[in-house]
């Protein structure tokens, strides 16, 4: 409603009633605003290579939904709820590994997700129980229909670092798990080799400014 109000007042908002990037000075008529948002997705539908792991895509979807739930991105709740419905139904947009550099957000991978969520057309693909189906088929499984974007919504769906953040959270979880395992294994090795525990004496390490070293010891 706030976005619509500003548009009605004739105010200029980047990416809402102007074009993007170097063409930002071009003001668009109101009838072209929905198409601008669709084009934000179409223009970034260009990932190539192998499919990224489902868990990476799902993590990014959850993080994007969480970011949009803050209510400052100019997007309807209905679209955020769609993301959650896809997650709960194990319907995961197909995103390929190459194309994005993250310079202005993860535009390309998030565009692949956005195209599925709104049902832009059947060229957007979805992983469902190990098989690939098209986005329109996925929507039908959820008893949903394609939805038209309002001003700002395409930009809100694709412009963010949710995808790289999703992958980072997976990496952090794995590192934490592997680090804990490595520490336990080192302890077992020291005991098995009848090694000395003196190098781990608290007196030595409490005088060092390295918190990680103290915790490991």
N, C-alpha and C. Protein backbone atom coordinates (compact mmCIF):
# COMPACT_ATOMS: atom_id res chain seq x y z
N UNK A 1 0.83 -1.21 0.00
CA UNK A 1 0.00 0.00 0.00
C UNK A 1 0.86 1.26 0.00
N UNK A 2 1.97 1.22 0.73
CA UNK A 2 2.86 2.37 0.80
C UNK A 2 3.48 2.64 -0.57
N UNK A 3 3.91 1.58 -1.26
CA UNK A 3 4.49 1.73 -2.59
C UNK A 3 3.46 2.33 -3.55
N UNK A 4 2.24 1.80 -3.51
CA UNK A 4 1.18 2.30 -4.39
C UNK A 4 0.90 3.78 -4.13
N UNK A 5 0.92 4.16 -2.86
CA UNK A 5 0.65 5.55 -2.48
C UNK A 5 1.71 6.49 -3.06
N UNK A 6 2.97 6.08 -2.97
CA UNK A 6 4.05 6.92 -3.49
C UNK A 6 3.97 7.04 -5.02
N UNK A 7 3.63 5.94 -5.68
CA UNK A 7 3.47 5.97 -7.14
C UNK A 7 2.35 6.91 -7.53
N UNK A 8 1.23 6.83 -6.81
CA UNK A 8 0.08 7.70 -7.10
C UNK A 8 0.43 9.17 -6.90
N UNK A 9 1.36 9.44 -5.98
CA UNK A 9 1.77 10.82 -5.72
C UNK A 9 2.76 11.33 -6.76
N UNK A 10 3.19 10.43 -7.66
CA UNK A 10 4.10 10.83 -8.73
C UNK A 10 5.56 10.92 -8.32
N UNK A 11 5.90 10.36 -7.17
CA UNK A 11 7.29 10.39 -6.73
C UNK A 11 8.11 9.32 -7.46
N UNK A 12 9.39 9.56 -7.55
CA UNK A 12 10.29 8.64 -8.26
C UNK A 12 10.98 7.71 -7.27
N UNK A 13 10.92 6.41 -7.53
CA UNK A 13 11.59 5.41 -6.71
C UNK A 13 12.40 4.50 -7.62
N UNK A 14 13.67 4.37 -7.31
CA UNK A 14 14.54 3.52 -8.12
C UNK A 14 14.01 2.08 -8.19
N UNK A 15 13.95 1.53 -9.39
CA UNK A 15 13.54 0.14 -9.56
C UNK A 15 12.06 -0.09 -9.42
N UNK A 16 11.31 0.96 -9.14
CA UNK A 16 9.85 0.85 -9.05
C UNK A 16 9.22 1.53 -10.25
N UNK A 17 9.52 2.81 -10.42
CA UNK A 17 9.05 3.50 -11.63
C UNK A 17 10.20 4.10 -12.43
N UNK A 18 11.41 3.59 -12.17
CA UNK A 18 12.57 3.89 -13.02
C UNK A 18 13.17 2.57 -13.48
N UNK A 19 14.00 2.65 -14.51
CA UNK A 19 14.71 1.45 -14.93
C UNK A 19 15.86 1.18 -13.97
N UNK A 20 16.67 0.15 -14.27
CA UNK A 20 17.73 -0.27 -13.37
C UNK A 20 19.11 0.19 -13.85
N UNK A 21 20.06 0.24 -12.91
CA UNK A 21 21.46 0.49 -13.24
C UNK A 21 21.70 1.78 -13.98
N UNK A 22 22.43 1.67 -15.10
CA UNK A 22 22.77 2.84 -15.88
C UNK A 22 21.59 3.50 -16.55
N UNK A 23 20.43 2.81 -16.56
CA UNK A 23 19.22 3.36 -17.17
C UNK A 23 18.26 3.90 -16.11
N UNK A 24 18.78 4.12 -14.91
CA UNK A 24 17.93 4.53 -13.79
C UNK A 24 17.27 5.89 -13.99
N UNK A 25 17.81 6.70 -14.89
CA UNK A 25 17.23 8.03 -15.10
C UNK A 25 15.98 7.98 -15.98
N UNK A 26 15.71 6.81 -16.55
CA UNK A 26 14.52 6.67 -17.40
C UNK A 26 13.30 6.39 -16.53
N UNK A 27 12.37 7.32 -16.53
CA UNK A 27 11.13 7.16 -15.76
C UNK A 27 10.12 6.39 -16.60
N UNK A 28 9.45 5.42 -15.97
CA UNK A 28 8.53 4.54 -16.69
C UNK A 28 7.08 4.89 -16.41
N UNK A 29 6.21 4.78 -17.41
CA UNK A 29 4.78 5.00 -17.19
C UNK A 29 4.19 3.89 -16.32
N UNK A 30 3.12 4.19 -15.64
CA UNK A 30 2.56 3.27 -14.65
C UNK A 30 2.16 1.93 -15.25
N UNK A 31 1.74 1.92 -16.51
CA UNK A 31 1.30 0.66 -17.12
C UNK A 31 2.46 -0.29 -17.40
N UNK A 32 3.69 0.20 -17.37
CA UNK A 32 4.85 -0.65 -17.63
C UNK A 32 5.51 -1.18 -16.35
N UNK A 33 5.01 -0.77 -15.20
CA UNK A 33 5.68 -1.13 -13.94
C UNK A 33 5.65 -2.63 -13.65
N UNK A 34 4.52 -3.33 -13.86
CA UNK A 34 4.54 -4.78 -13.63
C UNK A 34 5.53 -5.51 -14.54
N UNK A 35 5.62 -5.07 -15.80
CA UNK A 35 6.54 -5.70 -16.75
C UNK A 35 7.99 -5.50 -16.32
N UNK A 36 8.29 -4.33 -15.75
CA UNK A 36 9.64 -4.06 -15.26
C UNK A 36 10.05 -5.10 -14.22
N UNK A 37 9.12 -5.44 -13.33
CA UNK A 37 9.43 -6.41 -12.28
C UNK A 37 9.62 -7.82 -12.85
N UNK A 38 8.82 -8.18 -13.84
CA UNK A 38 9.02 -9.48 -14.49
C UNK A 38 10.37 -9.51 -15.21
N UNK A 39 10.72 -8.40 -15.84
CA UNK A 39 11.99 -8.33 -16.57
C UNK A 39 13.20 -8.43 -15.64
N UNK A 40 13.02 -8.02 -14.38
CA UNK A 40 14.10 -8.17 -13.40
C UNK A 40 14.42 -9.65 -13.18
N UNK A 41 13.41 -10.50 -13.37
CA UNK A 41 13.61 -11.95 -13.26
C UNK A 41 14.11 -12.52 -14.58
N UNK A 42 13.43 -12.17 -15.68
CA UNK A 42 13.81 -12.70 -16.99
C UNK A 42 15.27 -12.39 -17.33
N UNK A 43 15.70 -11.17 -17.04
CA UNK A 43 17.04 -10.74 -17.44
C UNK A 43 18.14 -11.46 -16.67
N UNK A 44 17.77 -12.11 -15.56
CA UNK A 44 18.78 -12.82 -14.77
C UNK A 44 18.56 -14.33 -14.77
N UNK A 45 17.71 -14.80 -15.66
CA UNK A 45 17.49 -16.25 -15.77
C UNK A 45 18.57 -16.83 -16.69
N UNK A 46 19.78 -16.92 -16.18
CA UNK A 46 20.89 -17.32 -17.04
C UNK A 46 21.95 -18.15 -16.31
N UNK A 47 21.56 -18.83 -15.25
CA UNK A 47 22.54 -19.69 -14.58
C UNK A 47 22.81 -20.91 -15.44
N UNK A 48 24.05 -21.41 -15.37
CA UNK A 48 24.44 -22.57 -16.17
C UNK A 48 25.23 -23.54 -15.29
N UNK A 49 25.48 -24.72 -15.83
CA UNK A 49 26.27 -25.71 -15.11
C UNK A 49 25.41 -26.72 -14.38
N UNK A 50 26.01 -27.40 -13.43
CA UNK A 50 25.30 -28.42 -12.67
C UNK A 50 24.29 -27.80 -11.71
N UNK A 51 23.28 -28.59 -11.35
CA UNK A 51 22.33 -28.12 -10.35
C UNK A 51 23.04 -28.00 -9.00
N UNK A 52 22.75 -26.90 -8.30
CA UNK A 52 23.26 -26.76 -6.95
C UNK A 52 22.49 -27.67 -6.00
N UNK A 53 23.11 -28.10 -4.90
CA UNK A 53 22.43 -28.99 -3.97
C UNK A 53 21.12 -28.42 -3.47
N UNK A 54 20.15 -29.29 -3.31
CA UNK A 54 18.82 -28.88 -2.84
C UNK A 54 18.91 -28.14 -1.51
N UNK A 55 19.78 -28.62 -0.61
CA UNK A 55 19.87 -28.00 0.71
C UNK A 55 20.35 -26.55 0.63
N UNK A 56 21.19 -26.22 -0.36
CA UNK A 56 21.64 -24.84 -0.53
C UNK A 56 20.48 -23.95 -0.98
N UNK A 57 19.69 -24.45 -1.90
CA UNK A 57 18.55 -23.67 -2.40
C UNK A 57 17.51 -23.47 -1.31
N UNK A 58 17.23 -24.52 -0.57
CA UNK A 58 16.23 -24.43 0.51
C UNK A 58 16.68 -23.45 1.60
N UNK A 59 17.96 -23.49 1.93
CA UNK A 59 18.48 -22.55 2.94
C UNK A 59 18.31 -21.11 2.48
N UNK A 60 18.60 -20.86 1.21
CA UNK A 60 18.48 -19.50 0.68
C UNK A 60 17.02 -19.04 0.65
N UNK A 61 16.10 -19.96 0.35
CA UNK A 61 14.68 -19.61 0.33
C UNK A 61 14.21 -19.21 1.72
N UNK A 62 14.63 -19.96 2.73
CA UNK A 62 14.23 -19.65 4.10
C UNK A 62 14.81 -18.31 4.55
N UNK A 63 16.07 -18.06 4.21
CA UNK A 63 16.70 -16.80 4.58
C UNK A 63 16.06 -15.62 3.86
N UNK A 64 15.72 -15.81 2.58
CA UNK A 64 15.06 -14.73 1.83
C UNK A 64 13.69 -14.42 2.43
N UNK A 65 12.93 -15.47 2.76
CA UNK A 65 11.62 -15.26 3.37
C UNK A 65 11.76 -14.52 4.70
N UNK A 66 12.76 -14.88 5.48
CA UNK A 66 12.98 -14.23 6.76
C UNK A 66 13.32 -12.76 6.59
N UNK A 67 14.14 -12.45 5.58
CA UNK A 67 14.50 -11.05 5.31
C UNK A 67 13.28 -10.25 4.87
N UNK A 68 12.47 -10.84 4.01
CA UNK A 68 11.29 -10.13 3.50
C UNK A 68 10.23 -9.94 4.58
N UNK A 69 10.21 -10.83 5.58
CA UNK A 69 9.23 -10.73 6.65
C UNK A 69 9.43 -9.49 7.53
N UNK A 70 10.55 -8.82 7.38
CA UNK A 70 10.78 -7.60 8.16
C UNK A 70 9.84 -6.49 7.74
N UNK A 71 9.26 -6.62 6.56
CA UNK A 71 8.24 -5.67 6.13
C UNK A 71 8.77 -4.36 5.57
N UNK A 72 10.01 -4.35 5.07
CA UNK A 72 10.58 -3.11 4.55
C UNK A 72 10.99 -3.25 3.08
N UNK A 73 10.52 -4.31 2.42
CA UNK A 73 10.95 -4.57 1.04
C UNK A 73 9.87 -4.29 0.00
N UNK A 74 8.69 -3.89 0.42
CA UNK A 74 7.63 -3.57 -0.53
C UNK A 74 7.09 -4.78 -1.25
N UNK A 75 6.81 -5.85 -0.52
CA UNK A 75 6.33 -7.09 -1.12
C UNK A 75 5.15 -7.63 -0.32
N UNK A 76 4.20 -8.23 -1.01
CA UNK A 76 3.02 -8.76 -0.34
C UNK A 76 3.34 -10.01 0.48
N UNK A 77 2.62 -10.16 1.58
CA UNK A 77 2.77 -11.34 2.43
C UNK A 77 2.46 -12.62 1.64
N UNK A 78 1.55 -12.54 0.71
CA UNK A 78 1.16 -13.69 -0.10
C UNK A 78 2.36 -14.32 -0.81
N UNK A 79 3.27 -13.50 -1.29
CA UNK A 79 4.45 -14.02 -1.99
C UNK A 79 5.42 -14.71 -1.02
N UNK A 80 5.56 -14.15 0.16
CA UNK A 80 6.42 -14.77 1.17
C UNK A 80 5.83 -16.12 1.59
N UNK A 81 4.52 -16.17 1.75
CA UNK A 81 3.86 -17.42 2.13
C UNK A 81 4.05 -18.49 1.06
N UNK A 82 4.13 -18.07 -0.19
CA UNK A 82 4.37 -19.03 -1.28
C UNK A 82 5.73 -19.70 -1.12
N UNK A 83 6.72 -18.92 -0.74
CA UNK A 83 8.06 -19.48 -0.53
C UNK A 83 8.00 -20.58 0.52
N UNK A 84 7.28 -20.32 1.60
CA UNK A 84 7.18 -21.30 2.68
C UNK A 84 6.39 -22.53 2.24
N UNK A 85 5.38 -22.34 1.41
CA UNK A 85 4.62 -23.48 0.91
C UNK A 85 5.49 -24.39 0.05
N UNK A 86 6.34 -23.81 -0.76
CA UNK A 86 7.27 -24.61 -1.56
C UNK A 86 8.22 -25.38 -0.66
N UNK A 87 8.73 -24.74 0.38
CA UNK A 87 9.63 -25.41 1.31
C UNK A 87 8.94 -26.58 1.99
N UNK A 88 7.75 -26.35 2.49
CA UNK A 88 7.03 -27.39 3.24
C UNK A 88 6.62 -28.56 2.36
N UNK A 89 6.49 -28.33 1.07
CA UNK A 89 6.07 -29.40 0.14
C UNK A 89 7.27 -30.07 -0.54
N UNK A 90 8.49 -29.72 -0.12
CA UNK A 90 9.70 -30.28 -0.74
C UNK A 90 9.76 -30.00 -2.24
N UNK A 91 9.29 -28.85 -2.63
CA UNK A 91 9.38 -28.39 -4.02
C UNK A 91 10.50 -27.34 -4.07
N UNK A 92 11.60 -27.70 -4.71
CA UNK A 92 12.80 -26.86 -4.67
C UNK A 92 13.17 -26.37 -6.06
N UNK A 93 13.17 -25.05 -6.29
CA UNK A 93 13.57 -24.53 -7.60
C UNK A 93 14.95 -25.02 -8.02
N UNK A 94 15.10 -25.30 -9.30
CA UNK A 94 16.40 -25.71 -9.84
C UNK A 94 17.26 -24.47 -10.06
N UNK A 95 18.41 -24.43 -9.43
CA UNK A 95 19.37 -23.34 -9.59
C UNK A 95 20.71 -23.95 -9.99
N UNK A 96 21.33 -23.39 -11.00
CA UNK A 96 22.59 -23.94 -11.49
C UNK A 96 23.77 -23.14 -10.96
N UNK A 97 24.95 -23.76 -11.01
CA UNK A 97 26.07 -23.28 -10.20
C UNK A 97 26.77 -22.02 -10.69
N UNK A 98 26.72 -21.71 -11.99
CA UNK A 98 27.50 -20.58 -12.51
C UNK A 98 26.61 -19.43 -12.96
N UNK A 99 27.16 -18.21 -12.83
CA UNK A 99 26.47 -17.04 -13.35
C UNK A 99 26.45 -15.86 -12.41
N UNK A 100 26.43 -16.11 -11.11
CA UNK A 100 26.28 -15.01 -10.16
C UNK A 100 27.61 -14.63 -9.56
N UNK A 101 27.82 -13.32 -9.39
CA UNK A 101 29.04 -12.85 -8.72
C UNK A 101 28.72 -12.15 -7.40
N UNK A 102 27.44 -11.96 -7.09
CA UNK A 102 27.07 -11.38 -5.81
C UNK A 102 27.39 -9.91 -5.66
N UNK A 103 27.67 -9.21 -6.77
CA UNK A 103 28.07 -7.80 -6.68
C UNK A 103 26.91 -6.90 -6.26
N UNK A 104 25.71 -7.21 -6.71
CA UNK A 104 24.53 -6.43 -6.34
C UNK A 104 23.47 -7.37 -5.79
N UNK A 105 23.91 -8.29 -4.99
CA UNK A 105 23.01 -9.34 -4.52
C UNK A 105 23.14 -10.57 -5.41
N UNK A 106 22.56 -11.66 -4.97
CA UNK A 106 22.62 -12.93 -5.72
C UNK A 106 21.51 -12.95 -6.76
N UNK A 107 21.62 -12.06 -7.74
CA UNK A 107 20.54 -11.81 -8.69
C UNK A 107 20.15 -13.05 -9.48
N UNK A 108 21.14 -13.77 -10.01
CA UNK A 108 20.84 -14.88 -10.91
C UNK A 108 20.20 -16.07 -10.18
N UNK A 109 20.79 -16.57 -9.08
CA UNK A 109 20.12 -17.68 -8.39
C UNK A 109 18.77 -17.30 -7.81
N UNK A 110 18.66 -16.09 -7.28
CA UNK A 110 17.37 -15.68 -6.71
C UNK A 110 16.32 -15.49 -7.80
N UNK A 111 16.74 -15.12 -9.01
CA UNK A 111 15.79 -15.00 -10.12
C UNK A 111 15.24 -16.36 -10.50
N UNK A 112 16.08 -17.40 -10.43
CA UNK A 112 15.62 -18.76 -10.73
C UNK A 112 14.54 -19.18 -9.72
N UNK A 113 14.73 -18.79 -8.47
CA UNK A 113 13.75 -19.12 -7.43
C UNK A 113 12.48 -18.30 -7.62
N UNK A 114 12.65 -17.01 -7.87
CA UNK A 114 11.49 -16.12 -8.01
C UNK A 114 10.59 -16.54 -9.17
N UNK A 115 11.20 -16.93 -10.29
CA UNK A 115 10.42 -17.35 -11.45
C UNK A 115 9.54 -18.54 -11.16
N UNK A 116 10.05 -19.43 -10.31
CA UNK A 116 9.26 -20.60 -9.90
C UNK A 116 8.13 -20.18 -8.97
N UNK A 117 8.45 -19.38 -7.98
CA UNK A 117 7.47 -19.00 -6.95
C UNK A 117 6.25 -18.32 -7.57
N UNK A 118 6.47 -17.46 -8.55
CA UNK A 118 5.33 -16.75 -9.14
C UNK A 118 4.75 -17.48 -10.34
N UNK A 119 5.44 -18.55 -10.80
CA UNK A 119 4.95 -19.29 -11.96
C UNK A 119 5.08 -18.50 -13.25
N UNK A 120 6.28 -17.94 -13.47
CA UNK A 120 6.47 -17.06 -14.62
C UNK A 120 6.22 -17.80 -15.94
N UNK A 121 6.78 -18.99 -16.07
CA UNK A 121 6.40 -19.89 -17.16
C UNK A 121 7.03 -21.26 -16.93
N UNK A 122 6.79 -22.19 -17.84
CA UNK A 122 7.22 -23.58 -17.64
C UNK A 122 8.71 -23.79 -17.87
N UNK A 123 9.44 -22.77 -18.31
CA UNK A 123 10.89 -22.94 -18.50
C UNK A 123 11.64 -22.94 -17.17
N UNK A 124 11.01 -22.47 -16.12
CA UNK A 124 11.60 -22.54 -14.78
C UNK A 124 11.32 -23.93 -14.22
N UNK A 125 12.34 -24.56 -13.67
CA UNK A 125 12.23 -25.95 -13.26
C UNK A 125 12.29 -26.12 -11.74
N UNK A 126 11.75 -27.25 -11.28
CA UNK A 126 11.65 -27.54 -9.86
C UNK A 126 12.10 -28.97 -9.60
N UNK A 127 12.85 -29.17 -8.53
CA UNK A 127 13.23 -30.51 -8.09
C UNK A 127 12.16 -31.00 -7.12
N UNK A 128 11.54 -32.12 -7.47
CA UNK A 128 10.49 -32.68 -6.61
C UNK A 128 10.76 -34.17 -6.43
N UNK A 129 11.18 -34.54 -5.21
CA UNK A 129 11.47 -35.94 -4.87
C UNK A 129 12.46 -36.57 -5.84
N UNK A 130 13.46 -35.78 -6.23
CA UNK A 130 14.51 -36.29 -7.10
C UNK A 130 14.23 -36.19 -8.58
N UNK A 131 13.03 -35.77 -8.94
CA UNK A 131 12.67 -35.62 -10.35
C UNK A 131 12.50 -34.14 -10.67
N UNK A 132 12.68 -33.79 -11.95
CA UNK A 132 12.55 -32.41 -12.38
C UNK A 132 11.19 -32.19 -13.04
N UNK A 133 10.44 -31.22 -12.52
CA UNK A 133 9.16 -30.83 -13.11
C UNK A 133 9.20 -29.34 -13.39
N UNK A 134 8.24 -28.84 -14.17
CA UNK A 134 8.25 -27.41 -14.46
C UNK A 134 7.49 -26.63 -13.39
N UNK A 135 7.70 -25.33 -13.39
CA UNK A 135 7.15 -24.48 -12.33
C UNK A 135 5.63 -24.50 -12.29
N UNK A 136 4.99 -24.56 -13.45
CA UNK A 136 3.52 -24.55 -13.48
C UNK A 136 2.96 -25.84 -12.90
N UNK A 137 3.64 -26.95 -13.15
CA UNK A 137 3.24 -28.23 -12.55
C UNK A 137 3.39 -28.17 -11.04
N UNK A 138 4.49 -27.56 -10.59
CA UNK A 138 4.72 -27.42 -9.15
C UNK A 138 3.62 -26.59 -8.49
N UNK A 139 3.22 -25.51 -9.15
CA UNK A 139 2.14 -24.68 -8.61
C UNK A 139 0.85 -25.47 -8.49
N UNK A 140 0.57 -26.30 -9.48
CA UNK A 140 -0.67 -27.08 -9.45
C UNK A 140 -0.67 -28.06 -8.28
N UNK A 141 0.49 -28.59 -7.92
CA UNK A 141 0.58 -29.49 -6.77
C UNK A 141 0.23 -28.76 -5.47
N UNK A 142 0.49 -27.47 -5.45
CA UNK A 142 0.16 -26.65 -4.27
C UNK A 142 -1.21 -26.00 -4.39
N UNK A 143 -1.91 -26.30 -5.47
CA UNK A 143 -3.22 -25.69 -5.76
C UNK A 143 -3.10 -24.17 -5.83
N UNK A 144 -2.03 -23.72 -6.47
CA UNK A 144 -1.79 -22.29 -6.67
C UNK A 144 -1.77 -21.98 -8.16
N UNK A 145 -1.99 -20.71 -8.48
CA UNK A 145 -1.93 -20.25 -9.86
C UNK A 145 -0.81 -19.22 -10.01
N UNK A 146 -0.32 -19.01 -11.23
CA UNK A 146 0.67 -17.95 -11.44
C UNK A 146 0.15 -16.62 -10.92
N UNK A 147 1.04 -15.81 -10.42
CA UNK A 147 0.66 -14.53 -9.83
C UNK A 147 1.43 -13.40 -10.49
N UNK A 148 0.76 -12.29 -10.72
CA UNK A 148 1.40 -11.12 -11.31
C UNK A 148 2.10 -10.30 -10.22
N UNK A 149 3.26 -9.81 -10.55
CA UNK A 149 4.01 -9.01 -9.59
C UNK A 149 3.52 -7.57 -9.58
N UNK A 150 3.54 -6.98 -8.40
CA UNK A 150 3.27 -5.56 -8.27
C UNK A 150 4.57 -4.78 -8.30
N UNK A 151 4.49 -3.44 -8.31
CA UNK A 151 5.70 -2.61 -8.30
C UNK A 151 6.61 -2.96 -7.13
N UNK A 152 7.88 -3.11 -7.38
CA UNK A 152 8.93 -3.40 -6.39
C UNK A 152 9.10 -4.89 -6.08
N UNK A 153 8.11 -5.73 -6.37
CA UNK A 153 8.15 -7.11 -5.88
C UNK A 153 9.22 -7.96 -6.57
N UNK A 154 9.42 -7.76 -7.86
CA UNK A 154 10.47 -8.51 -8.54
C UNK A 154 11.84 -8.17 -7.97
N UNK A 155 12.07 -6.89 -7.77
CA UNK A 155 13.34 -6.43 -7.20
C UNK A 155 13.53 -6.98 -5.80
N UNK A 156 12.46 -7.00 -5.02
CA UNK A 156 12.53 -7.51 -3.65
C UNK A 156 12.89 -8.99 -3.61
N UNK A 157 12.42 -9.74 -4.60
CA UNK A 157 12.68 -11.18 -4.63
C UNK A 157 14.11 -11.52 -5.04
N UNK A 158 14.70 -10.70 -5.92
CA UNK A 158 16.01 -11.08 -6.49
C UNK A 158 17.20 -10.31 -5.93
N UNK A 159 16.97 -9.16 -5.32
CA UNK A 159 18.09 -8.30 -4.93
C UNK A 159 18.43 -8.48 -3.45
N UNK A 160 19.34 -9.39 -3.18
CA UNK A 160 19.78 -9.65 -1.82
C UNK A 160 20.88 -10.70 -1.84
N UNK A 161 21.49 -10.93 -0.70
CA UNK A 161 22.58 -11.92 -0.62
C UNK A 161 22.12 -13.20 0.05
N UNK A 162 20.84 -13.51 -0.06
CA UNK A 162 20.28 -14.67 0.63
C UNK A 162 20.87 -15.98 0.14
N UNK A 163 21.24 -16.05 -1.14
CA UNK A 163 21.75 -17.32 -1.65
C UNK A 163 23.15 -17.61 -1.11
N UNK A 164 24.04 -16.64 -1.20
CA UNK A 164 25.39 -16.85 -0.67
C UNK A 164 25.35 -17.03 0.85
N UNK A 165 24.42 -16.34 1.52
CA UNK A 165 24.27 -16.51 2.96
C UNK A 165 23.79 -17.92 3.29
N UNK A 166 22.87 -18.44 2.48
CA UNK A 166 22.38 -19.80 2.68
C UNK A 166 23.49 -20.82 2.58
N UNK A 167 24.34 -20.67 1.57
CA UNK A 167 25.48 -21.59 1.42
C UNK A 167 26.45 -21.42 2.59
N UNK A 168 26.66 -20.18 3.02
CA UNK A 168 27.58 -19.92 4.13
C UNK A 168 27.09 -20.58 5.42
N UNK A 169 25.79 -20.54 5.67
CA UNK A 169 25.26 -21.18 6.89
C UNK A 169 25.50 -22.68 6.86
N UNK A 170 25.36 -23.28 5.68
CA UNK A 170 25.63 -24.72 5.55
C UNK A 170 27.10 -25.01 5.84
N UNK A 171 27.98 -24.16 5.32
CA UNK A 171 29.42 -24.35 5.53
C UNK A 171 29.78 -24.20 7.01
N UNK A 172 29.20 -23.20 7.66
CA UNK A 172 29.49 -22.96 9.08
C UNK A 172 29.06 -24.17 9.91
N UNK A 173 27.89 -24.71 9.60
CA UNK A 173 27.40 -25.89 10.32
C UNK A 173 28.37 -27.06 10.15
N UNK A 174 28.82 -27.29 8.91
CA UNK A 174 29.73 -28.40 8.64
C UNK A 174 31.08 -28.19 9.32
N UNK A 175 31.59 -26.96 9.28
CA UNK A 175 32.87 -26.66 9.92
C UNK A 175 32.78 -26.89 11.43
N UNK A 176 31.69 -26.43 12.03
CA UNK A 176 31.51 -26.61 13.48
C UNK A 176 31.49 -28.09 13.84
N UNK A 177 30.78 -28.87 13.04
CA UNK A 177 30.67 -30.31 13.30
C UNK A 177 32.02 -31.00 13.11
N UNK A 178 32.72 -30.67 12.03
CA UNK A 178 34.00 -31.30 11.74
C UNK A 178 35.08 -30.88 12.74
N UNK A 179 35.01 -29.61 13.18
CA UNK A 179 36.00 -29.14 14.16
C UNK A 179 35.84 -29.89 15.48
N UNK A 180 34.60 -30.07 15.91
CA UNK A 180 34.34 -30.81 17.14
C UNK A 180 34.85 -32.25 17.02
N UNK A 181 34.59 -32.86 15.87
CA UNK A 181 35.06 -34.23 15.63
C UNK A 181 36.58 -34.29 15.65
N UNK A 182 37.23 -33.31 15.03
CA UNK A 182 38.69 -33.28 14.98
C UNK A 182 39.29 -33.15 16.38
N UNK A 183 38.69 -32.32 17.24
CA UNK A 183 39.19 -32.16 18.60
C UNK A 183 39.09 -33.46 19.39
N UNK A 184 37.97 -34.15 19.25
CA UNK A 184 37.81 -35.42 19.96
C UNK A 184 38.82 -36.46 19.46
N UNK A 185 39.04 -36.50 18.16
CA UNK A 185 39.99 -37.46 17.60
C UNK A 185 41.41 -37.16 18.08
N UNK A 186 41.79 -35.89 18.15
CA UNK A 186 43.12 -35.54 18.64
C UNK A 186 43.29 -35.98 20.10
N UNK A 187 42.24 -35.82 20.88
CA UNK A 187 42.30 -36.25 22.28
C UNK A 187 42.52 -37.75 22.38
N UNK A 188 41.79 -38.51 21.55
CA UNK A 188 41.95 -39.96 21.55
C UNK A 188 43.37 -40.37 21.13
N UNK A 189 43.91 -39.67 20.12
CA UNK A 189 45.26 -40.00 19.64
C UNK A 189 46.30 -39.76 20.73
N UNK A 190 46.16 -38.65 21.45
CA UNK A 190 47.11 -38.33 22.52
C UNK A 190 47.07 -39.40 23.60
N UNK A 191 45.87 -39.84 23.95
CA UNK A 191 45.74 -40.90 24.96
C UNK A 191 46.30 -42.22 24.44
N UNK A 192 45.98 -42.54 23.20
CA UNK A 192 46.44 -43.81 22.63
C UNK A 192 47.96 -43.87 22.54
N UNK A 193 48.59 -42.73 22.28
CA UNK A 193 50.05 -42.66 22.16
C UNK A 193 50.72 -42.37 23.50
N UNK A 194 49.90 -42.31 24.56
CA UNK A 194 50.39 -42.01 25.91
C UNK A 194 51.16 -40.69 25.93
N UNK A 195 50.58 -39.72 25.24
CA UNK A 195 51.20 -38.41 25.17
C UNK A 195 51.05 -37.64 26.47
N UNK A 196 51.80 -36.58 26.60
CA UNK A 196 51.78 -35.76 27.81
C UNK A 196 50.64 -34.75 27.74
N UNK A 197 50.04 -34.48 28.89
CA UNK A 197 48.99 -33.46 28.97
C UNK A 197 49.55 -32.11 29.41
N UNK A 198 50.85 -32.07 29.70
CA UNK A 198 51.45 -30.83 30.19
C UNK A 198 51.32 -29.66 29.21
N UNK A 199 51.42 -29.91 27.88
CA UNK A 199 51.27 -28.77 26.96
C UNK A 199 49.89 -28.11 27.01
N UNK A 200 48.94 -28.77 27.68
CA UNK A 200 47.58 -28.22 27.74
C UNK A 200 47.27 -27.62 29.11
N UNK A 201 48.29 -27.44 29.93
CA UNK A 201 48.11 -26.88 31.26
C UNK A 201 47.49 -25.49 31.16
N UNK A 202 46.44 -25.21 31.95
CA UNK A 202 45.76 -23.90 31.89
C UNK A 202 46.70 -22.72 32.11
N UNK A 203 47.74 -22.91 32.93
CA UNK A 203 48.67 -21.81 33.23
C UNK A 203 49.31 -21.27 31.96
N UNK A 204 49.63 -22.18 31.04
CA UNK A 204 50.29 -21.77 29.80
C UNK A 204 49.35 -20.94 28.93
N UNK A 205 48.13 -21.41 28.81
CA UNK A 205 47.23 -20.84 27.80
C UNK A 205 46.47 -19.60 28.28
N UNK A 206 46.30 -19.48 29.60
CA UNK A 206 45.56 -18.30 30.08
C UNK A 206 46.36 -17.02 29.90
N UNK A 207 47.66 -17.16 29.63
CA UNK A 207 48.50 -15.98 29.41
C UNK A 207 48.65 -15.65 27.93
N UNK A 208 47.91 -16.35 27.10
CA UNK A 208 47.90 -16.07 25.66
C UNK A 208 46.61 -15.32 25.30
N UNK A 209 46.68 -14.42 24.33
CA UNK A 209 45.48 -13.63 23.97
C UNK A 209 44.60 -14.30 22.92
N UNK A 210 44.67 -15.63 22.84
CA UNK A 210 43.95 -16.33 21.78
C UNK A 210 42.84 -17.19 22.38
N UNK A 211 41.61 -16.73 22.26
CA UNK A 211 40.48 -17.42 22.86
C UNK A 211 40.33 -18.85 22.32
N UNK A 212 40.52 -19.00 21.01
CA UNK A 212 40.39 -20.33 20.41
C UNK A 212 41.40 -21.31 20.97
N UNK A 213 42.63 -20.85 21.15
CA UNK A 213 43.68 -21.70 21.70
C UNK A 213 43.31 -22.16 23.11
N UNK A 214 42.77 -21.26 23.92
CA UNK A 214 42.38 -21.58 25.29
C UNK A 214 41.27 -22.63 25.30
N UNK A 215 40.28 -22.45 24.43
CA UNK A 215 39.16 -23.40 24.38
C UNK A 215 39.62 -24.78 23.94
N UNK A 216 40.51 -24.83 22.96
CA UNK A 216 40.99 -26.13 22.47
C UNK A 216 41.79 -26.84 23.56
N UNK A 217 42.63 -26.10 24.25
CA UNK A 217 43.45 -26.70 25.30
C UNK A 217 42.56 -27.23 26.43
